[in-house]
């Protein structure tokens, strides 16, 4: 689980860096790449925090450990950053258009 968490965090960062570099160049593809980065990051955050709670066992649900708060915050992040389903639709539509 720790290996998967490490790889997913690095992948999410790279997607964000790539979207940012496109934005710096005023590339119109930066819009969809930002959607992809936000989608992947929010989905992975939820999975990572879920795995982290699993690793901590019962302590993962205790107020004495920060993991419990991260679990709640991950869901809020998924909602605040724009609904995951909306990002899925935007990405799919863009992919369909480019075929």
N, C-alpha and C. Protein backbone atom coordinates (compact mmCIF):
# COMPACT_ATOMS: atom_id res chain seq x y z
N UNK A 1 0.82 -1.20 0.00
CA UNK A 1 0.00 0.00 0.00
C UNK A 1 0.86 1.26 0.00
N UNK A 2 1.94 1.23 0.75
CA UNK A 2 2.80 2.41 0.83
C UNK A 2 3.44 2.71 -0.52
N UNK A 3 3.84 1.65 -1.24
CA UNK A 3 4.42 1.84 -2.57
C UNK A 3 3.40 2.47 -3.51
N UNK A 4 2.18 1.95 -3.49
CA UNK A 4 1.12 2.48 -4.35
C UNK A 4 0.82 3.95 -4.01
N UNK A 5 0.80 4.27 -2.74
CA UNK A 5 0.58 5.65 -2.31
C UNK A 5 1.68 6.55 -2.86
N UNK A 6 2.93 6.12 -2.72
CA UNK A 6 4.07 6.91 -3.20
C UNK A 6 3.98 7.17 -4.70
N UNK A 7 3.69 6.13 -5.45
CA UNK A 7 3.60 6.26 -6.91
C UNK A 7 2.45 7.18 -7.31
N UNK A 8 1.29 7.04 -6.67
CA UNK A 8 0.14 7.87 -7.00
C UNK A 8 0.35 9.34 -6.66
N UNK A 9 1.03 9.62 -5.57
CA UNK A 9 1.33 11.01 -5.22
C UNK A 9 2.26 11.62 -6.26
N UNK A 10 3.28 10.87 -6.65
CA UNK A 10 4.21 11.37 -7.67
C UNK A 10 3.50 11.58 -9.01
N UNK A 11 2.62 10.67 -9.38
CA UNK A 11 1.87 10.80 -10.64
C UNK A 11 0.97 12.03 -10.61
N UNK A 12 0.28 12.25 -9.50
CA UNK A 12 -0.59 13.41 -9.38
C UNK A 12 0.21 14.71 -9.48
N UNK A 13 1.36 14.74 -8.84
CA UNK A 13 2.21 15.93 -8.91
C UNK A 13 2.66 16.20 -10.35
N UNK A 14 3.06 15.16 -11.05
CA UNK A 14 3.53 15.33 -12.43
C UNK A 14 2.40 15.84 -13.34
N UNK A 15 1.20 15.33 -13.15
CA UNK A 15 0.06 15.82 -13.93
C UNK A 15 -0.17 17.31 -13.65
N UNK A 16 -0.05 17.70 -12.40
CA UNK A 16 -0.23 19.12 -12.04
C UNK A 16 0.88 19.99 -12.63
N UNK A 17 2.12 19.51 -12.55
CA UNK A 17 3.24 20.26 -13.14
C UNK A 17 3.05 20.42 -14.64
N UNK A 18 2.61 19.35 -15.30
CA UNK A 18 2.41 19.40 -16.74
C UNK A 18 1.31 20.41 -17.10
N UNK A 19 0.19 20.34 -16.39
CA UNK A 19 -0.90 21.29 -16.64
C UNK A 19 -0.42 22.72 -16.40
N UNK A 20 0.36 22.92 -15.35
CA UNK A 20 0.89 24.25 -15.06
C UNK A 20 1.84 24.75 -16.13
N UNK A 21 2.68 23.85 -16.65
CA UNK A 21 3.61 24.27 -17.70
C UNK A 21 2.86 24.65 -18.97
N UNK A 22 1.79 23.93 -19.28
CA UNK A 22 0.96 24.30 -20.45
C UNK A 22 0.29 25.65 -20.22
N UNK A 23 -0.15 25.89 -19.01
CA UNK A 23 -0.80 27.17 -18.68
C UNK A 23 0.19 28.31 -18.82
N UNK A 24 1.42 28.10 -18.38
CA UNK A 24 2.46 29.12 -18.52
C UNK A 24 2.70 29.49 -19.99
N UNK A 25 2.53 28.50 -20.87
CA UNK A 25 2.74 28.72 -22.31
C UNK A 25 1.46 29.21 -23.01
N UNK A 26 0.39 29.41 -22.24
CA UNK A 26 -0.92 29.81 -22.77
C UNK A 26 -1.44 28.81 -23.81
N UNK A 27 -1.12 27.56 -23.61
CA UNK A 27 -1.58 26.49 -24.49
C UNK A 27 -3.05 26.19 -24.18
N UNK A 28 -3.92 26.15 -25.19
CA UNK A 28 -5.33 25.87 -24.94
C UNK A 28 -5.57 24.48 -24.35
N UNK A 29 -4.64 23.56 -24.53
CA UNK A 29 -4.77 22.23 -23.95
C UNK A 29 -4.64 22.25 -22.42
N UNK A 30 -4.19 23.38 -21.88
CA UNK A 30 -4.02 23.47 -20.43
C UNK A 30 -5.35 23.29 -19.70
N UNK A 31 -6.45 23.65 -20.34
CA UNK A 31 -7.76 23.53 -19.69
C UNK A 31 -8.09 22.07 -19.43
N UNK A 32 -8.01 21.24 -20.46
CA UNK A 32 -8.34 19.83 -20.27
C UNK A 32 -7.29 19.13 -19.42
N UNK A 33 -6.03 19.53 -19.56
CA UNK A 33 -4.99 18.92 -18.74
C UNK A 33 -5.17 19.27 -17.26
N UNK A 34 -5.68 20.45 -16.99
CA UNK A 34 -5.98 20.83 -15.60
C UNK A 34 -7.12 19.98 -15.07
N UNK A 35 -8.14 19.75 -15.90
CA UNK A 35 -9.25 18.87 -15.49
C UNK A 35 -8.74 17.46 -15.18
N UNK A 36 -7.86 16.96 -16.04
CA UNK A 36 -7.31 15.62 -15.83
C UNK A 36 -6.52 15.57 -14.53
N UNK A 37 -5.70 16.58 -14.30
CA UNK A 37 -4.89 16.62 -13.06
C UNK A 37 -5.77 16.70 -11.82
N UNK A 38 -6.80 17.54 -11.87
CA UNK A 38 -7.71 17.67 -10.72
C UNK A 38 -8.48 16.39 -10.48
N UNK A 39 -8.94 15.77 -11.56
CA UNK A 39 -9.69 14.52 -11.43
C UNK A 39 -8.81 13.43 -10.81
N UNK A 40 -7.65 13.22 -11.41
CA UNK A 40 -6.77 12.17 -10.91
C UNK A 40 -6.37 12.43 -9.45
N UNK A 41 -6.02 13.68 -9.16
CA UNK A 41 -5.57 14.02 -7.80
C UNK A 41 -6.66 13.80 -6.77
N UNK A 42 -7.89 14.21 -7.07
CA UNK A 42 -8.96 14.05 -6.08
C UNK A 42 -9.34 12.58 -5.90
N UNK A 43 -9.35 11.81 -6.99
CA UNK A 43 -9.67 10.39 -6.87
C UNK A 43 -8.56 9.67 -6.10
N UNK A 44 -7.31 9.99 -6.43
CA UNK A 44 -6.20 9.34 -5.74
C UNK A 44 -6.12 9.74 -4.28
N UNK A 45 -6.43 10.99 -3.98
CA UNK A 45 -6.42 11.42 -2.58
C UNK A 45 -7.39 10.59 -1.76
N UNK A 46 -8.59 10.39 -2.30
CA UNK A 46 -9.58 9.58 -1.58
C UNK A 46 -9.08 8.15 -1.37
N UNK A 47 -8.48 7.58 -2.39
CA UNK A 47 -7.96 6.21 -2.28
C UNK A 47 -6.78 6.15 -1.30
N UNK A 48 -5.89 7.12 -1.40
CA UNK A 48 -4.72 7.15 -0.52
C UNK A 48 -5.14 7.26 0.94
N UNK A 49 -6.07 8.16 1.21
CA UNK A 49 -6.51 8.34 2.60
C UNK A 49 -7.23 7.09 3.09
N UNK A 50 -8.02 6.47 2.22
CA UNK A 50 -8.70 5.22 2.60
C UNK A 50 -7.67 4.15 2.96
N UNK A 51 -6.62 4.02 2.15
CA UNK A 51 -5.56 3.06 2.45
C UNK A 51 -4.84 3.41 3.74
N UNK A 52 -4.64 4.70 3.97
CA UNK A 52 -3.95 5.14 5.19
C UNK A 52 -4.76 4.80 6.43
N UNK A 53 -6.08 4.99 6.35
CA UNK A 53 -6.94 4.59 7.47
C UNK A 53 -6.81 3.08 7.69
N UNK A 54 -6.80 2.31 6.61
CA UNK A 54 -6.66 0.86 6.70
C UNK A 54 -5.33 0.48 7.37
N UNK A 55 -4.26 1.16 6.99
CA UNK A 55 -2.95 0.88 7.58
C UNK A 55 -2.95 1.15 9.08
N UNK A 56 -3.63 2.23 9.49
CA UNK A 56 -3.67 2.60 10.91
C UNK A 56 -4.66 1.77 11.72
N UNK A 57 -5.49 1.00 11.05
CA UNK A 57 -6.46 0.16 11.76
C UNK A 57 -7.46 1.01 12.52
N UNK A 58 -7.80 0.60 13.72
CA UNK A 58 -8.79 1.31 14.53
C UNK A 58 -8.34 2.73 14.85
N UNK A 59 -7.05 2.96 14.94
CA UNK A 59 -6.53 4.30 15.21
C UNK A 59 -6.87 5.27 14.07
N UNK A 60 -7.07 4.75 12.88
CA UNK A 60 -7.40 5.59 11.74
C UNK A 60 -8.75 6.26 11.87
N UNK A 61 -9.60 5.75 12.76
CA UNK A 61 -10.93 6.33 12.98
C UNK A 61 -10.99 7.14 14.27
N UNK A 62 -9.88 7.25 14.96
CA UNK A 62 -9.84 7.94 16.24
C UNK A 62 -9.49 9.42 16.05
N UNK A 63 -10.12 10.26 16.84
CA UNK A 63 -9.81 11.69 16.82
C UNK A 63 -8.39 11.98 17.31
N UNK A 64 -7.75 11.01 17.93
CA UNK A 64 -6.39 11.20 18.45
C UNK A 64 -5.34 11.22 17.34
N UNK A 65 -5.72 10.79 16.14
CA UNK A 65 -4.79 10.72 15.02
C UNK A 65 -5.30 11.59 13.87
N UNK A 66 -4.37 12.25 13.18
CA UNK A 66 -4.74 13.16 12.09
C UNK A 66 -5.38 12.43 10.90
N UNK A 67 -5.16 11.14 10.80
CA UNK A 67 -5.69 10.38 9.67
C UNK A 67 -7.21 10.50 9.57
N UNK A 68 -7.86 10.51 10.69
CA UNK A 68 -9.34 10.63 10.71
C UNK A 68 -9.77 11.93 10.05
N UNK A 69 -9.09 13.01 10.35
CA UNK A 69 -9.42 14.31 9.74
C UNK A 69 -9.10 14.31 8.25
N UNK A 70 -7.99 13.71 7.87
CA UNK A 70 -7.64 13.64 6.45
C UNK A 70 -8.69 12.89 5.66
N UNK A 71 -9.26 11.88 6.27
CA UNK A 71 -10.31 11.09 5.61
C UNK A 71 -11.50 11.98 5.27
N UNK A 72 -11.92 12.80 6.22
CA UNK A 72 -13.04 13.73 5.98
C UNK A 72 -12.65 14.80 4.97
N UNK A 73 -11.43 15.34 5.12
CA UNK A 73 -10.98 16.41 4.22
C UNK A 73 -10.87 15.93 2.77
N UNK A 74 -10.52 14.68 2.58
CA UNK A 74 -10.38 14.14 1.22
C UNK A 74 -11.72 14.19 0.50
N UNK A 75 -12.78 13.85 1.18
CA UNK A 75 -14.11 13.89 0.56
C UNK A 75 -14.51 15.33 0.26
N UNK A 76 -14.21 16.23 1.18
CA UNK A 76 -14.52 17.64 0.94
C UNK A 76 -13.73 18.16 -0.25
N UNK A 77 -12.47 17.77 -0.37
CA UNK A 77 -11.64 18.20 -1.49
C UNK A 77 -12.23 17.73 -2.82
N UNK A 78 -12.74 16.52 -2.82
CA UNK A 78 -13.34 15.96 -4.03
C UNK A 78 -14.56 16.78 -4.46
N UNK A 79 -15.32 17.26 -3.50
CA UNK A 79 -16.52 18.04 -3.79
C UNK A 79 -16.16 19.49 -4.14
N UNK A 80 -15.27 20.11 -3.37
CA UNK A 80 -14.92 21.51 -3.56
C UNK A 80 -14.21 21.74 -4.88
N UNK A 81 -13.31 20.85 -5.26
CA UNK A 81 -12.53 21.01 -6.49
C UNK A 81 -13.39 20.82 -7.74
N UNK A 82 -14.63 20.56 -7.57
CA UNK A 82 -15.51 20.30 -8.70
C UNK A 82 -15.84 18.83 -8.68
N UNK A 83 -17.07 18.55 -8.89
CA UNK A 83 -17.52 17.17 -8.81
C UNK A 83 -16.68 16.26 -9.71
N UNK A 84 -16.30 15.14 -9.16
CA UNK A 84 -15.52 14.17 -9.93
C UNK A 84 -16.28 13.73 -11.17
N UNK A 85 -17.59 13.58 -11.03
CA UNK A 85 -18.40 13.17 -12.18
C UNK A 85 -18.37 14.23 -13.28
N UNK A 86 -18.34 15.50 -12.91
CA UNK A 86 -18.26 16.56 -13.91
C UNK A 86 -16.92 16.51 -14.65
N UNK A 87 -15.86 16.26 -13.92
CA UNK A 87 -14.56 16.13 -14.57
C UNK A 87 -14.54 14.92 -15.51
N UNK A 88 -15.16 13.83 -15.08
CA UNK A 88 -15.24 12.64 -15.94
C UNK A 88 -15.95 12.98 -17.25
N UNK A 89 -17.05 13.70 -17.15
CA UNK A 89 -17.80 14.07 -18.35
C UNK A 89 -16.98 14.97 -19.26
N UNK A 90 -16.30 15.96 -18.69
CA UNK A 90 -15.50 16.89 -19.49
C UNK A 90 -14.35 16.17 -20.19
N UNK A 91 -13.69 15.28 -19.49
CA UNK A 91 -12.56 14.53 -20.06
C UNK A 91 -13.06 13.60 -21.17
N UNK A 92 -14.16 12.91 -20.90
CA UNK A 92 -14.71 11.99 -21.90
C UNK A 92 -15.15 12.76 -23.14
N UNK A 93 -15.80 13.90 -22.95
CA UNK A 93 -16.26 14.69 -24.09
C UNK A 93 -15.07 15.17 -24.91
N UNK A 94 -14.04 15.64 -24.26
CA UNK A 94 -12.85 16.10 -24.97
C UNK A 94 -12.20 14.94 -25.73
N UNK A 95 -12.15 13.77 -25.10
CA UNK A 95 -11.56 12.61 -25.75
C UNK A 95 -12.39 12.21 -26.97
N UNK A 96 -13.71 12.25 -26.83
CA UNK A 96 -14.61 11.89 -27.93
C UNK A 96 -14.45 12.86 -29.09
N UNK A 97 -14.30 14.14 -28.79
CA UNK A 97 -14.13 15.16 -29.83
C UNK A 97 -12.83 14.98 -30.60
N UNK A 98 -11.79 14.53 -29.91
CA UNK A 98 -10.48 14.42 -30.56
C UNK A 98 -10.33 13.13 -31.37
N UNK A 99 -11.33 12.27 -31.35
CA UNK A 99 -11.25 11.01 -32.12
C UNK A 99 -11.54 11.28 -33.58
